[in-house]
């Protein structure tokens, strides 16, 4: 789970929480394959979102939940159709 970087290798500015929420909300109810922070690959239906903060409100991140697992939006590797095929 790493941050985005531009072509020069510099860290990209953080995505505003509103944009993270809008993008993540679309994923609720969708089947996804993702990588958790500890490097495990998971697959399942996103059942909820949460907002994580390290104390600094400017550094909030949206977390997607599949069962007991959670991950950041940028950790999604695949999104599946209702029949299980990839989109």
Protein backbone atom coordinates (compact mmCIF):
# COMPACT_ATOMS: atom_id res chain seq x y z
CA UNK A 1 0.00 0.00 0.00
CA UNK A 2 1.93 2.96 -1.23
CA UNK A 3 1.20 6.56 -2.09
CA UNK A 4 0.93 7.94 -5.58
CA UNK A 5 3.91 9.66 -7.18
CA UNK A 6 4.28 11.90 -10.22
CA UNK A 7 6.57 11.23 -13.19
CA UNK A 8 9.53 12.73 -11.35
CA UNK A 9 9.01 10.43 -8.35
CA UNK A 10 7.70 13.22 -6.11
CA UNK A 11 4.75 12.39 -3.89
CA UNK A 12 1.43 13.49 -5.35
CA UNK A 13 -0.68 15.82 -3.22
CA UNK A 14 -3.27 14.02 -1.08
CA UNK A 15 -6.70 13.51 -2.63
CA UNK A 16 -9.32 15.63 -0.81
CA UNK A 17 -11.54 13.59 1.52
CA UNK A 18 -14.65 14.59 -0.44
CA UNK A 19 -13.23 13.06 -3.63
CA UNK A 20 -12.12 9.94 -1.76
CA UNK A 21 -15.65 9.51 -0.34
CA UNK A 22 -17.31 9.99 -3.73
CA UNK A 23 -15.04 7.42 -5.39
CA UNK A 24 -15.30 4.93 -2.51
CA UNK A 25 -19.10 5.21 -2.23
CA UNK A 26 -19.40 3.80 -5.75
CA UNK A 27 -17.59 0.66 -4.54
CA UNK A 28 -20.12 -0.24 -1.81
CA UNK A 29 -21.89 -3.41 -2.89
CA UNK A 30 -19.27 -4.20 -5.55
CA UNK A 31 -17.06 -7.27 -5.50
CA UNK A 32 -13.38 -6.27 -5.47
CA UNK A 33 -9.93 -7.79 -5.17
CA UNK A 34 -7.59 -5.72 -3.02
CA UNK A 35 -4.38 -5.82 -1.05
CA UNK A 36 -4.51 -5.18 2.70
CA UNK A 37 -1.88 -3.13 4.54
CA UNK A 38 -0.15 -6.33 5.67
CA UNK A 39 0.16 -7.50 2.04
CA UNK A 40 -2.64 -10.08 1.97
CA UNK A 41 -4.80 -10.37 -1.14
CA UNK A 42 -8.52 -10.44 -0.46
CA UNK A 43 -11.65 -10.67 -2.59
CA UNK A 44 -15.19 -9.90 -1.52
CA UNK A 45 -18.04 -7.41 -1.51
CA UNK A 46 -17.39 -3.95 -0.06
CA UNK A 47 -19.91 -3.67 2.76
CA UNK A 48 -19.03 -0.32 4.32
CA UNK A 49 -16.71 2.70 4.40
CA UNK A 50 -14.97 4.40 7.28
CA UNK A 51 -12.77 7.46 7.67
CA UNK A 52 -9.42 6.98 9.36
CA UNK A 53 -7.46 9.81 10.91
CA UNK A 54 -4.07 9.92 12.55
CA UNK A 55 -5.12 12.95 14.60
CA UNK A 56 -4.48 15.47 11.83
CA UNK A 57 -7.82 16.13 10.07
CA UNK A 58 -5.91 17.07 6.91
CA UNK A 59 -4.60 13.51 6.70
CA UNK A 60 -7.89 11.63 6.80
CA UNK A 61 -8.29 8.60 4.54
CA UNK A 62 -11.30 6.62 3.44
CA UNK A 63 -11.11 2.90 4.20
CA UNK A 64 -13.22 0.31 2.39
CA UNK A 65 -14.31 -2.79 4.31
CA UNK A 66 -14.78 -6.36 3.08
CA UNK A 67 -15.84 -8.35 6.11
CA UNK A 68 -13.22 -7.84 8.84
CA UNK A 69 -10.63 -6.58 6.32
CA UNK A 70 -10.11 -2.95 5.35
CA UNK A 71 -7.97 -1.15 2.80
CA UNK A 72 -7.50 2.18 1.03
CA UNK A 73 -9.14 3.01 -2.29
CA UNK A 74 -5.79 2.86 -4.10
CA UNK A 75 -5.28 -0.73 -2.86
CA UNK A 76 -8.09 -2.07 -5.07
CA UNK A 77 -6.60 -4.29 -7.78
CA UNK A 78 -9.78 -5.42 -9.60
CA UNK A 79 -13.51 -4.69 -9.64
CA UNK A 80 -15.89 -7.48 -10.69
CA UNK A 81 -19.29 -7.53 -12.42
CA UNK A 82 -22.25 -9.24 -10.78
CA UNK A 83 -21.29 -12.48 -12.54
CA UNK A 84 -17.73 -12.39 -11.12
CA UNK A 85 -15.98 -11.33 -14.33
CA UNK A 86 -13.60 -8.37 -14.19
CA UNK A 87 -14.54 -4.90 -15.40
